[in-house]
C-alpha atoms as a PDB file:
ATOM      1  CA  MET A   1       0.284   0.122   0.086  1.00  0.00           C
ATOM      2  CA  SER A   2       1.693   3.358  -1.365  1.00  0.00           C
ATOM      3  CA  LYS A   3       2.072   6.096   1.666  1.00  0.00           C
ATOM      4  CA  PRO A   4       0.212   9.066   1.762  1.00  0.00           C
ATOM      5  CA  LYS A   5       1.614  12.743   0.311  1.00  0.00           C
ATOM      6  CA  ILE A   6       2.433  15.265   2.444  1.00  0.00           C
ATOM      7  CA  ALA A   7       3.544  18.553   1.411  1.00  0.00           C
ATOM      8  CA  VAL A   8       5.837  20.641   3.694  1.00  0.00           C
ATOM      9  CA  GLY A   9       6.977  24.477   3.564  1.00  0.00           C
ATOM     10  CA  ALA A  10       8.633  26.403   6.066  1.00  0.00           C
ATOM     11  CA  LEU A  11       8.652  30.347   6.664  1.00  0.00           C
ATOM     12  CA  GLY A  12      10.960  30.522   9.288  1.00  0.00           C
ATOM     13  CA  GLY A  13      10.692  31.640  12.532  1.00  0.00           C
ATOM     14  CA  THR A  14      11.862  29.914  15.689  1.00  0.00           C
ATOM     15  CA  ILE A  15      11.100  26.977  14.801  1.00  0.00           C
ATOM     16  CA  CYS A  16      14.263  26.105  12.724  1.00  0.00           C
ATOM     17  CA  MET A  17      16.367  28.930  15.031  1.00  0.00           C
ATOM     18  CA  SER A  18      19.501  28.423  16.414  1.00  0.00           C
ATOM     19  CA  ALA A  19      22.626  29.947  17.581  1.00  0.00           C
ATOM     20  CA  ASN A  20      24.973  28.059  15.462  1.00  0.00           C
ATOM     21  CA  GLY A  21      27.543  27.746  18.256  1.00  0.00           C
ATOM     22  CA  GLY A  22      27.758  31.606  17.915  1.00  0.00           C
ATOM     23  CA  GLN A  23      26.948  33.761  19.734  1.00  0.00           C
ATOM     24  CA  GLY A  24      23.734  36.769  19.769  1.00  0.00           C
ATOM     25  CA  GLY A  25      20.931  35.017  19.824  1.00  0.00           C
ATOM     26  CA  VAL A  26      19.267  32.106  17.866  1.00  0.00           C
ATOM     27  CA  LYS A  27      18.309  32.896  13.901  1.00  0.00           C
ATOM     28  CA  PRO A  28      16.577  31.451  11.110  1.00  0.00           C
ATOM     29  CA  SER A  29      19.560  28.280  10.607  1.00  0.00           C
ATOM     30  CA  PHE A  30      17.559  25.260   9.224  1.00  0.00           C
ATOM     31  CA  SER A  31      15.786  25.008   5.788  1.00  0.00           C
ATOM     32  CA  ALA A  32      12.432  22.333   5.468  1.00  0.00           C
ATOM     33  CA  GLU A  33      14.372  19.433   4.593  1.00  0.00           C
ATOM     34  CA  GLN A  34      15.925  19.777   7.506  1.00  0.00           C
ATOM     35  CA  LEU A  35      13.091  20.159   9.727  1.00  0.00           C
ATOM     36  CA  VAL A  36      11.556  17.040   8.740  1.00  0.00           C
ATOM     37  CA  GLY A  37      14.869  14.822   8.626  1.00  0.00           C
ATOM     38  CA  ALA A  38      14.598  15.455  12.725  1.00  0.00           C
ATOM     39  CA  VAL A  39      11.617  14.039  12.725  1.00  0.00           C
ATOM     40  CA  PRO A  40      12.411   9.963  11.117  1.00  0.00           C
ATOM     41  CA  ALA A  41       9.533   8.576  11.361  1.00  0.00           C
ATOM     42  CA  LEU A  42       7.793  10.564   9.166  1.00  0.00           C
ATOM     43  CA  ARG A  43      10.273   8.616   5.968  1.00  0.00           C
ATOM     44  CA  GLU A  44       7.804   5.597   7.103  1.00  0.00           C
ATOM     45  CA  MET A  45       4.242   6.860   7.693  1.00  0.00           C
ATOM     46  CA  VAL A  46       4.542   8.974   4.347  1.00  0.00           C
ATOM     47  CA  GLN A  47       6.367  10.852   1.685  1.00  0.00           C
ATOM     48  CA  ILE A  48       7.256  13.568   2.324  1.00  0.00           C
ATOM     49  CA  GLU A  49       8.104  16.693  -0.338  1.00  0.00           C
ATOM     50  CA  ALA A  50      10.079  19.707   1.564  1.00  0.00           C
ATOM     51  CA  LYS A  51      10.585  23.504   0.488  1.00  0.00           C
ATOM     52  CA  THR A  52      11.752  26.023   2.446  1.00  0.00           C
ATOM     53  CA  LEU A  53       9.694  28.872   0.543  1.00  0.00           C
ATOM     54  CA  LEU A  54      11.434  31.831   3.178  1.00  0.00           C
ATOM     55  CA  ALA A  55      13.302  31.704   6.539  1.00  0.00           C
ATOM     56  CA  LEU A  56      11.709  34.957   8.032  1.00  0.00           C
ATOM     57  CA  PRO A  57      10.958  35.578  12.215  1.00  0.00           C
ATOM     58  CA  SER A  58       7.282  36.310  11.159  1.00  0.00           C
ATOM     59  CA  GLY A  59       6.681  39.335  12.233  1.00  0.00           C
ATOM     60  CA  SER A  60       8.208  39.633   8.957  1.00  0.00           C
ATOM     61  CA  LEU A  61       6.100  38.730   7.146  1.00  0.00           C
ATOM     62  CA  LYS A  62       3.365  40.523   4.591  1.00  0.00           C
ATOM     63  CA  VAL A  63       0.058  38.918   3.430  1.00  0.00           C
ATOM     64  CA  GLN A  64       1.475  38.712   0.329  1.00  0.00           C
ATOM     65  CA  ASP A  65       3.768  36.219   1.639  1.00  0.00           C
ATOM     66  CA  LEU A  66       0.877  34.485   2.103  1.00  0.00           C
ATOM     67  CA  VAL A  67      -1.104  34.634  -1.043  1.00  0.00           C
ATOM     68  CA  GLU A  68       2.398  33.002  -2.376  1.00  0.00           C
ATOM     69  CA  VAL A  69       1.668  30.308   0.329  1.00  0.00           C
ATOM     70  CA  TYR A  70      -1.973  29.834  -0.303  1.00  0.00           C
ATOM     71  CA  LYS A  71      -1.035  28.884  -4.202  1.00  0.00           C
ATOM     72  CA  TRP A  72       1.707  26.482  -3.151  1.00  0.00           C
ATOM     73  CA  ALA A  73       0.099  25.011  -1.123  1.00  0.00           C
ATOM     74  CA  LYS A  74      -2.589  24.710  -3.455  1.00  0.00           C
ATOM     75  CA  GLU A  75      -0.148  23.280  -5.898  1.00  0.00           C
ATOM     76  CA  GLN A  76       0.606  20.701  -3.559  1.00  0.00           C
ATOM     77  CA  ILE A  77      -2.891  19.116  -3.685  1.00  0.00           C
ATOM     78  CA  ALA A  78      -3.183  18.942  -7.098  1.00  0.00           C
ATOM     79  CA  LYS A  79      -0.128  17.327  -7.511  1.00  0.00           C
ATOM     80  CA  GLY A  80      -1.538  14.479  -5.053  1.00  0.00           C
ATOM     81  CA  ALA A  81      -0.500  15.543  -1.301  1.00  0.00           C
ATOM     82  CA  VAL A  82      -4.030  14.317   1.129  1.00  0.00           C
ATOM     83  CA  GLY A  83      -2.627  17.591   3.216  1.00  0.00           C
ATOM     84  CA  VAL A  84       0.567  20.063   3.766  1.00  0.00           C
ATOM     85  CA  VAL A  85       1.747  21.838   6.561  1.00  0.00           C
ATOM     86  CA  ILE A  86       3.330  25.123   7.317  1.00  0.00           C
ATOM     87  CA  THR A  87       6.204  25.560   9.927  1.00  0.00           C
ATOM     88  CA  GLN A  88       6.439  29.509  10.658  1.00  0.00           C
ATOM     89  CA  GLY A  89       7.399  31.923  13.481  1.00  0.00           C
ATOM     90  CA  THR A  90       4.609  31.601  16.444  1.00  0.00           C
ATOM     91  CA  ASP A  91       4.592  35.433  17.140  1.00  0.00           C
ATOM     92  CA  THR A  92       2.115  35.920  13.756  1.00  0.00           C
ATOM     93  CA  LEU A  93       1.172  32.683  13.383  1.00  0.00           C
ATOM     94  CA  GLU A  94      -2.728  33.313  14.476  1.00  0.00           C
ATOM     95  CA  GLU A  95      -2.511  35.913  11.935  1.00  0.00           C
ATOM     96  CA  SER A  96      -1.041  34.122   9.062  1.00  0.00           C
ATOM     97  CA  ALA A  97      -4.117  31.019  10.211  1.00  0.00           C
ATOM     98  CA  PHE A  98      -7.014  33.421   9.950  1.00  0.00           C
ATOM     99  CA  PHE A  99      -6.076  34.763   6.908  1.00  0.00           C
ATOM    100  CA  LEU A 100      -5.159  31.713   5.467  1.00  0.00           C
ATOM    101  CA  ASN A 101      -8.279  30.382   6.733  1.00  0.00           C
ATOM    102  CA  LEU A 102     -10.428  33.295   4.982  1.00  0.00           C
ATOM    103  CA  VAL A 103      -9.648  31.815   1.319  1.00  0.00           C
ATOM    104  CA  TRP A 104      -8.804  28.099   1.330  1.00  0.00           C
ATOM    105  CA  ASP A 105     -10.613  26.516  -0.442  1.00  0.00           C
ATOM    106  CA  GLU A 106     -10.310  22.892  -0.208  1.00  0.00           C
ATOM    107  CA  HIS A 107     -11.409  19.998   1.243  1.00  0.00           C
ATOM    108  CA  ALA A 108      -7.981  18.850   2.314  1.00  0.00           C
ATOM    109  CA  PRO A 109      -6.244  20.894   5.060  1.00  0.00           C
ATOM    110  CA  LEU A 110      -3.607  22.942   5.172  1.00  0.00           C
ATOM    111  CA  VAL A 111      -2.113  22.446   8.443  1.00  0.00           C
ATOM    112  CA  ILE A 112       0.286  25.416  10.770  1.00  0.00           C
ATOM    113  CA  THR A 113       2.632  24.812  13.333  1.00  0.00           C
ATOM    114  CA  GLY A 114       5.772  26.367  14.834  1.00  0.00           C
ATOM    115  CA  ALA A 115       8.577  26.009  18.150  1.00  0.00           C
ATOM    116  CA  MET A 116       8.369  27.458  21.377  1.00  0.00           C
ATOM    117  CA  ARG A 117      12.035  26.391  22.195  1.00  0.00           C
ATOM    118  CA  ASN A 118      14.282  26.958  19.570  1.00  0.00           C
ATOM    119  CA  ALA A 119      17.041  23.655  18.325  1.00  0.00           C
ATOM    120  CA  ASP A 120      19.493  24.717  21.068  1.00  0.00           C
ATOM    121  CA  SER A 121      16.849  24.553  23.861  1.00  0.00           C
ATOM    122  CA  ILE A 122      17.209  20.930  26.035  1.00  0.00           C
ATOM    123  CA  SER A 123      13.459  20.469  25.101  1.00  0.00           C
ATOM    124  CA  SER A 124      12.643  22.077  21.847  1.00  0.00           C
ATOM    125  CA  ASP A 125       8.562  21.263  21.008  1.00  0.00           C
ATOM    126  CA  GLY A 126       9.967  21.892  17.236  1.00  0.00           C
ATOM    127  CA  ALA A 127      10.154  18.473  15.734  1.00  0.00           C
ATOM    128  CA  GLY A 128       7.108  17.107  18.013  1.00  0.00           C
ATOM    129  CA  ASN A 129       5.295  19.208  16.495  1.00  0.00           C
ATOM    130  CA  ILE A 130       5.650  19.035  13.012  1.00  0.00           C
ATOM    131  CA  TYR A 131       5.884  14.746  14.139  1.00  0.00           C
ATOM    132  CA  ALA A 132       1.851  15.902  15.844  1.00  0.00           C
ATOM    133  CA  SER A 133       1.425  18.312  12.617  1.00  0.00           C
ATOM    134  CA  VAL A 134       1.752  15.431   9.952  1.00  0.00           C
ATOM    135  CA  LEU A 135      -0.674  13.035  11.415  1.00  0.00           C
ATOM    136  CA  THR A 136      -3.508  15.563  11.936  1.00  0.00           C
ATOM    137  CA  ALA A 137      -2.817  16.696   7.770  1.00  0.00           C
ATOM    138  CA  ILE A 138      -2.837  12.320   7.200  1.00  0.00           C
ATOM    139  CA  SER A 139      -6.230  11.706   9.043  1.00  0.00           C
ATOM    140  CA  PRO A 140      -9.118  12.076   6.811  1.00  0.00           C
ATOM    141  CA  GLN A 141     -11.076  13.099   9.671  1.00  0.00           C
ATOM    142  CA  SER A 142      -8.738  16.882   8.668  1.00  0.00           C
ATOM    143  CA  ARG A 143     -10.781  17.378   5.625  1.00  0.00           C
ATOM    144  CA  ASP A 144     -13.278  20.397   5.476  1.00  0.00           C
ATOM    145  CA  ARG A 145     -12.237  21.080   8.319  1.00  0.00           C
ATOM    146  CA  GLY A 146     -10.164  25.023   6.673  1.00  0.00           C
ATOM    147  CA  VAL A 147      -6.743  25.727   8.288  1.00  0.00           C
ATOM    148  CA  LEU A 148      -5.397  23.697  11.614  1.00  0.00           C
ATOM    149  CA  VAL A 149      -3.376  25.188  13.971  1.00  0.00           C
ATOM    150  CA  VAL A 150      -1.763  22.036  15.950  1.00  0.00           C
ATOM    151  CA  LEU A 151       0.919  22.506  18.542  1.00  0.00           C
ATOM    152  CA  ASN A 152       1.839  20.999  21.986  1.00  0.00           C
ATOM    153  CA  ASP A 153      -0.288  17.725  20.201  1.00  0.00           C
ATOM    154  CA  THR A 154      -3.227  20.671  20.531  1.00  0.00           C
ATOM    155  CA  ILE A 155      -5.356  21.365  17.555  1.00  0.00           C
ATOM    156  CA  HIS A 156      -7.618  24.253  16.904  1.00  0.00           C
ATOM    157  CA  SER A 157      -9.398  26.180  14.693  1.00  0.00           C
ATOM    158  CA  ALA A 158      -7.760  28.830  12.452  1.00  0.00           C
ATOM    159  CA  LEU A 159     -11.402  31.573  13.988  1.00  0.00           C
ATOM    160  CA  TRP A 160     -10.464  30.869  17.400  1.00  0.00           C
ATOM    161  CA  VAL A 161      -6.294  30.593  17.445  1.00  0.00           C
ATOM    162  CA  HIS A 162      -4.406  33.033  20.056  1.00  0.00           C
ATOM    163  CA  LYS A 163      -1.044  32.763  20.987  1.00  0.00           C
ATOM    164  CA  SER A 164      -2.113  33.897  25.129  1.00  0.00           C
ATOM    165  CA  ASN A 165       2.060  33.884  26.741  1.00  0.00           C
ATOM    166  CA  THR A 166       5.115  34.615  25.405  1.00  0.00           C
ATOM    167  CA  PHE A 167       7.603  31.954  26.506  1.00  0.00           C
ATOM    168  CA  SER A 168       4.622  29.157  27.420  1.00  0.00           C
ATOM    169  CA  LEU A 169       4.453  25.353  25.828  1.00  0.00           C
ATOM    170  CA  GLN A 170       0.748  26.275  26.335  1.00  0.00           C
ATOM    171  CA  THR A 171       0.001  29.297  24.993  1.00  0.00           C
ATOM    172  CA  PHE A 172      -1.838  28.629  21.689  1.00  0.00           C
ATOM    173  CA  VAL A 173      -5.186  28.687  23.472  1.00  0.00           C
ATOM    174  CA  SER A 174      -8.955  28.926  21.465  1.00  0.00           C
ATOM    175  CA  ILE A 175     -11.231  30.067  24.917  1.00  0.00           C
ATOM    176  CA  ASN A 176     -14.282  31.392  23.379  1.00  0.00           C
ATOM    177  CA  ALA A 177     -14.983  28.267  21.928  1.00  0.00           C
ATOM    178  CA  GLY A 178     -12.642  25.623  22.994  1.00  0.00           C
ATOM    179  CA  ILE A 179     -10.203  23.183  21.005  1.00  0.00           C
ATOM    180  CA  GLN A 180     -10.870  21.003  18.190  1.00  0.00           C
ATOM    181  CA  GLY A 181      -8.967  18.306  19.107  1.00  0.00           C
ATOM    182  CA  LEU A 182      -5.793  16.335  20.103  1.00  0.00           C
ATOM    183  CA  VAL A 183      -2.830  14.192  18.607  1.00  0.00           C
ATOM    184  CA  ILE A 184      -3.291  10.848  21.190  1.00  0.00           C
ATOM    185  CA  GLU A 185      -1.192   7.973  20.356  1.00  0.00           C
ATOM    186  CA  ASN A 186      -0.356   8.509  17.293  1.00  0.00           C
ATOM    187  CA  GLY A 187      -3.589   9.087  16.321  1.00  0.00           C
ATOM    188  CA  VAL A 188      -5.541  12.177  15.781  1.00  0.00           C
ATOM    189  CA  LYS A 189      -9.098  12.821  18.046  1.00  0.00           C
ATOM    190  CA  PHE A 190     -11.178  15.543  17.304  1.00  0.00           C
ATOM    191  CA  ILE A 191     -14.095  16.401  19.743  1.00  0.00           C
ATOM    192  CA  THR A 192     -15.846  18.980  18.062  1.00  0.00           C
ATOM    193  CA  PRO A 193     -17.625  19.620  15.161  1.00  0.00           C
ATOM    194  CA  ALA A 194     -16.123  21.320  12.229  1.00  0.00           C
ATOM    195  CA  VAL A 195     -16.120  25.449  11.996  1.00  0.00           C
ATOM    196  CA  SER A 196     -18.186  27.117   9.868  1.00  0.00           C
ATOM    197  CA  ARG A 197     -16.544  29.139   7.407  1.00  0.00           C
ATOM    198  CA  GLN A 198     -16.507  31.677   5.641  1.00  0.00           C
ATOM    199  CA  ILE A 199     -14.429  31.789   1.963  1.00  0.00           C
ATOM    200  CA  TYR A 200     -13.860  34.197  -0.103  1.00  0.00           C
ATOM    201  CA  PRO A 201     -11.957  35.255  -3.491  1.00  0.00           C
ATOM    202  CA  LEU A 202      -8.347  35.354  -3.324  1.00  0.00           C
ATOM    203  CA  PRO A 203      -7.807  38.875  -6.073  1.00  0.00           C
ATOM    204  CA  ASP A 204      -5.174  39.559  -7.468  1.00  0.00           C
ATOM    205  CA  VAL A 205      -4.454  42.719  -6.838  1.00  0.00           C
ATOM    206  CA  LYS A 206      -2.454  44.754  -4.078  1.00  0.00           C
ATOM    207  CA  PHE A 207      -3.469  44.217  -0.664  1.00  0.00           C
ATOM    208  CA  PRO A 208      -4.713  47.402   1.003  1.00  0.00           C
ATOM    209  CA  LYS A 209      -3.280  49.058   3.816  1.00  0.00           C
ATOM    210  CA  VAL A 210      -5.298  48.867   7.345  1.00  0.00           C
ATOM    211  CA  GLU A 211      -3.778  50.257  10.522  1.00  0.00           C
ATOM    212  CA  ILE A 212      -4.808  49.055  14.133  1.00  0.00           C
ATOM    213  CA  ILE A 213      -5.347  51.778  16.363  1.00  0.00           C
ATOM    214  CA  GLN A 214      -6.081  51.165  19.777  1.00  0.00           C
ATOM    215  CA  SER A 215      -8.087  53.402  22.669  1.00  0.00           C
ATOM    216  CA  TYR A 216      -6.481  53.790  26.318  1.00  0.00           C
ATOM    217  CA  LEU A 217      -7.357  55.524  28.815  1.00  0.00           C
ATOM    218  CA  GLY A 218      -7.040  59.303  28.299  1.00  0.00           C
ATOM    219  CA  CYS A 219      -6.449  58.818  24.077  1.00  0.00           C
ATOM    220  CA  GLU A 220      -6.813  62.161  22.171  1.00  0.00           C
ATOM    221  CA  GLY A 221      -7.641  60.242  18.690  1.00  0.00           C
ATOM    222  CA  GLU A 222      -4.732  61.380  17.222  1.00  0.00           C
ATOM    223  CA  MET A 223      -3.497  58.419  15.247  1.00  0.00           C
ATOM    224  CA  ILE A 224      -6.991  58.668  14.059  1.00  0.00           C
ATOM    225  CA  GLU A 225      -6.037  62.261  12.242  1.00  0.00           C
ATOM    226  CA  LEU A 226      -2.687  60.519  10.875  1.00  0.00           C
ATOM    227  CA  ALA A 227      -4.005  57.434   9.596  1.00  0.00           C
ATOM    228  CA  LEU A 228      -7.248  59.421   7.699  1.00  0.00           C
ATOM    229  CA  ARG A 229      -4.546  62.206   6.272  1.00  0.00           C
ATOM    230  CA  ALA A 230      -2.217  58.780   5.525  1.00  0.00           C
ATOM    231  CA  ASN A 231      -4.622  57.469   2.774  1.00  0.00           C
ATOM    232  CA  TYR A 232      -5.338  54.485   4.705  1.00  0.00           C
ATOM    233  CA  SER A 233      -7.941  52.112   3.100  1.00  0.00           C
ATOM    234  CA  GLY A 234      -9.786  51.649   6.729  1.00  0.00           C
ATOM    235  CA  ILE A 235      -9.219  51.596  10.357  1.00  0.00           C
ATOM    236  CA  ILE A 236      -9.703  48.871  12.816  1.00  0.00           C
ATOM    237  CA  ILE A 237     -10.244  50.607  16.671  1.00  0.00           C
ATOM    238  CA  SER A 238      -8.907  47.860  19.075  1.00  0.00           C
ATOM    239  CA  GLY A 239     -11.388  49.289  22.187  1.00  0.00           C
ATOM    240  CA  VAL A 240     -11.369  49.159  25.523  1.00  0.00           C
ATOM    241  CA  GLY A 241     -14.195  46.915  26.988  1.00  0.00           C
ATOM    242  CA  ALA A 242     -17.201  45.434  24.663  1.00  0.00           C
ATOM    243  CA  GLY A 243     -15.892  48.189  21.922  1.00  0.00           C
ATOM    244  CA  HIS A 244     -15.970  51.508  22.831  1.00  0.00           C
ATOM    245  CA  VAL A 245     -14.178  54.323  23.351  1.00  0.00           C
ATOM    246  CA  SER A 246     -13.619  57.710  24.247  1.00  0.00           C
ATOM    247  CA  TYR A 247     -15.503  61.081  23.504  1.00  0.00           C
ATOM    248  CA  ASP A 248     -12.350  62.613  21.192  1.00  0.00           C
ATOM    249  CA  MET A 249     -12.173  59.062  19.873  1.00  0.00           C
ATOM    250  CA  VAL A 250     -15.497  59.342  18.354  1.00  0.00           C
ATOM    251  CA  ASP A 251     -15.698  62.962  17.387  1.00  0.00           C
ATOM    252  CA  LYS A 252     -12.078  62.436  15.765  1.00  0.00           C
ATOM    253  CA  LEU A 253     -14.105  59.013  13.677  1.00  0.00           C
ATOM    254  CA  ARG A 254     -17.629  60.998  12.827  1.00  0.00           C
ATOM    255  CA  GLY A 255     -17.437  61.471   9.186  1.00  0.00           C
ATOM    256  CA  ALA A 256     -14.357  59.457   7.991  1.00  0.00           C
ATOM    257  CA  GLN A 257     -14.975  57.961   4.369  1.00  0.00           C
ATOM    258  CA  ILE A 258     -13.298  54.831   4.832  1.00  0.00           C
ATOM    259  CA  PRO A 259     -15.171  51.681   7.111  1.00  0.00           C
ATOM    260  CA  VAL A 260     -14.209  52.033  11.013  1.00  0.00           C
ATOM    261  CA  VAL A 261     -14.499  47.776  12.041  1.00  0.00           C
ATOM    262  CA  VAL A 262     -14.596  48.378  16.184  1.00  0.00           C
ATOM    263  CA  ALA A 263     -13.149  45.219  18.026  1.00  0.00           C
ATOM    264  CA  SER A 264     -11.720  44.868  21.753  1.00  0.00           C
ATOM    265  CA  ARG A 265      -8.880  44.599  22.686  1.00  0.00           C
ATOM    266  CA  THR A 266      -9.543  42.658  25.709  1.00  0.00           C
ATOM    267  CA  GLY A 267      -8.732  38.999  24.053  1.00  0.00           C
ATOM    268  CA  SER A 268     -11.165  37.781  24.454  1.00  0.00           C
ATOM    269  CA  GLY A 269     -15.601  37.702  24.241  1.00  0.00           C
ATOM    270  CA  ILE A 270     -17.911  39.428  21.249  1.00  0.00           C
ATOM    271  CA  CYS A 271     -18.371  42.802  20.685  1.00  0.00           C
ATOM    272  CA  ALA A 272     -21.130  44.457  22.443  1.00  0.00           C
ATOM    273  CA  THR A 273     -23.878  45.854  19.316  1.00  0.00           C
ATOM    274  CA  LYS A 274     -26.896  47.169  21.628  1.00  0.00           C
ATOM    275  CA  THR A 275     -25.867  48.086  25.659  1.00  0.00           C
ATOM    276  CA  TYR A 276     -24.148  50.983  25.777  1.00  0.00           C
ATOM    277  CA  GLY A 277     -25.650  54.226  24.934  1.00  0.00           C
ATOM    278  CA  TYR A 278     -22.739  56.787  26.076  1.00  0.00           C
ATOM    279  CA  LYS A 279     -20.760  58.948  23.589  1.00  0.00           C
ATOM    280  CA  GLY A 280     -18.096  56.707  22.635  1.00  0.00           C
ATOM    281  CA  SER A 281     -20.255  53.285  23.155  1.00  0.00           C
ATOM    282  CA  GLU A 282     -21.065  50.641  20.498  1.00  0.00           C
ATOM    283  CA  MET A 283     -24.757  52.037  19.697  1.00  0.00           C
ATOM    284  CA  ASP A 284     -22.746  55.210  19.054  1.00  0.00           C
ATOM    285  CA  LEU A 285     -20.291  53.906  17.311  1.00  0.00           C
ATOM    286  CA  GLN A 286     -22.702  52.191  14.950  1.00  0.00           C
ATOM    287  CA  SER A 287     -24.739  55.350  14.643  1.00  0.00           C
ATOM    288  CA  ILE A 288     -22.216  57.403  12.713  1.00  0.00           C
ATOM    289  CA  GLY A 289     -21.728  54.205  10.538  1.00  0.00           C
ATOM    290  CA  CYS A 290     -18.307  51.736  12.751  1.00  0.00           C
ATOM    291  CA  ILE A 291     -19.417  48.272  12.378  1.00  0.00           C
ATOM    292  CA  MET A 292     -19.034  45.887  15.205  1.00  0.00           C
ATOM    293  CA  SER A 293     -16.169  42.906  14.762  1.00  0.00           C
ATOM    294  CA  GLY A 294     -18.556  40.329  16.498  1.00  0.00           C
ATOM    295  CA  TRP A 295     -15.659  37.474  17.893  1.00  0.00           C
ATOM    296  CA  LEU A 296     -12.514  38.804  16.326  1.00  0.00           C
ATOM    297  CA  SER A 297      -9.605  40.310  18.012  1.00  0.00           C
ATOM    298  CA  PRO A 298      -7.865  43.193  16.301  1.00  0.00           C
ATOM    299  CA  ILE A 299      -5.461  41.613  14.118  1.00  0.00           C
ATOM    300  CA  LYS A 300      -7.975  38.729  12.845  1.00  0.00           C
ATOM    301  CA  ALA A 301     -10.500  41.647  12.377  1.00  0.00           C
ATOM    302  CA  ARG A 302      -7.578  43.574  10.034  1.00  0.00           C
ATOM    303  CA  LEU A 303      -7.344  40.847   7.968  1.00  0.00           C
ATOM    304  CA  LEU A 304     -10.646  40.403   6.679  1.00  0.00           C
ATOM    305  CA  LEU A 305     -11.247  43.681   6.388  1.00  0.00           C
ATOM    306  CA  MET A 306      -8.365  43.606   3.997  1.00  0.00           C
ATOM    307  CA  LEU A 307     -10.154  40.898   1.810  1.00  0.00           C
ATOM    308  CA  LEU A 308     -13.408  42.085   1.402  1.00  0.00           C
ATOM    309  CA  LEU A 309     -11.667  45.585   0.754  1.00  0.00           C
ATOM    310  CA  ALA A 310      -9.620  43.781  -2.190  1.00  0.00           C
ATOM    311  CA  ASN A 311     -12.725  42.139  -3.362  1.00  0.00           C
ATOM    312  CA  ASN A 312     -14.160  45.435  -3.856  1.00  0.00           C
ATOM    313  CA  MET A 313     -17.105  45.092  -1.341  1.00  0.00           C
ATOM    314  CA  ASN A 314     -19.101  48.269  -0.177  1.00  0.00           C
ATOM    315  CA  LEU A 315     -19.515  49.362   3.674  1.00  0.00           C
ATOM    316  CA  GLU A 316     -22.768  47.569   3.554  1.00  0.00           C
ATOM    317  CA  GLN A 317     -21.903  44.161   2.289  1.00  0.00           C
ATOM    318  CA  ILE A 318     -18.635  44.735   4.553  1.00  0.00           C
ATOM    319  CA  LYS A 319     -20.522  45.166   7.171  1.00  0.00           C
ATOM    320  CA  LYS A 320     -22.652  42.084   6.324  1.00  0.00           C
ATOM    321  CA  GLU A 321     -19.645  40.009   5.915  1.00  0.00           C
ATOM    322  CA  PHE A 322     -18.387  41.146   9.647  1.00  0.00           C
ATOM    323  CA  GLY A 323     -21.662  39.505  11.301  1.00  0.00           C
ATOM    324  CA  ASN A 324     -20.723  36.483  10.130  1.00  0.00           C
ATOM    325  CA  PHE A 325     -17.922  36.358  12.859  1.00  0.00           C
END
């Protein structure tokens, strides 16, 4: 019986970093082939196509890089891969996963993983995460679940996953909805149904600029004025509480001619839509045309807005799409 085909694409990040015996901290050092080679058991399970796509810390990835990842992953499925694994840095992993989940239109799974400990660490987690990700990618149960994130033997949906800690191995959590499943005894155990997904066309255009502006105690809203003058195509407000801003901020937002989406900076929970009525509240913001992000965090709301704008959606269409989240 032939082994299933899997493709592994490497983008960089801690999972491929080492000091190589030198000083000054760890840096990207290993190729995709070397990462796969560190997990000998994989060769007995699957046929692997491994390719180094990039070698960047994830904070330096761009949306256009993710577009190229999407295209490469699609090519691997067309060549017969039953699933694709992408390795990258964990700093922006939840953003990569969420964006790709918005456009991934294959039945086969796209699995994203990384590592919290570099290769020089006594108990590096990279090899184990790659192994668990491949197990997830070849599992028939993973089909039609979109993009999955696998670290520390835990399977998350790209919609809900969030990096919650700077160093902990269990940094990735799905606070609002819970995990999708676990990797146990060399197998995959899903414990929740597939998450409902919205899939959008991936237009061949330059993605518009969307800025995130933080709300905080004493915020006077100068960054809103700067963003409007700098010709951004949209603004995400990282609002306090359930999606609120200061009096000064709402005054600066009034009359904005670009889409403004309000999310919560709290890290969990859904934005309010009809609870508070004071100046700067969610009801006030909606009355001047702002859109509430639902369950989406500011960084995920930004990516959705960029994609919707790239698809030439108007304000009413954008509002309707955010209503699905």
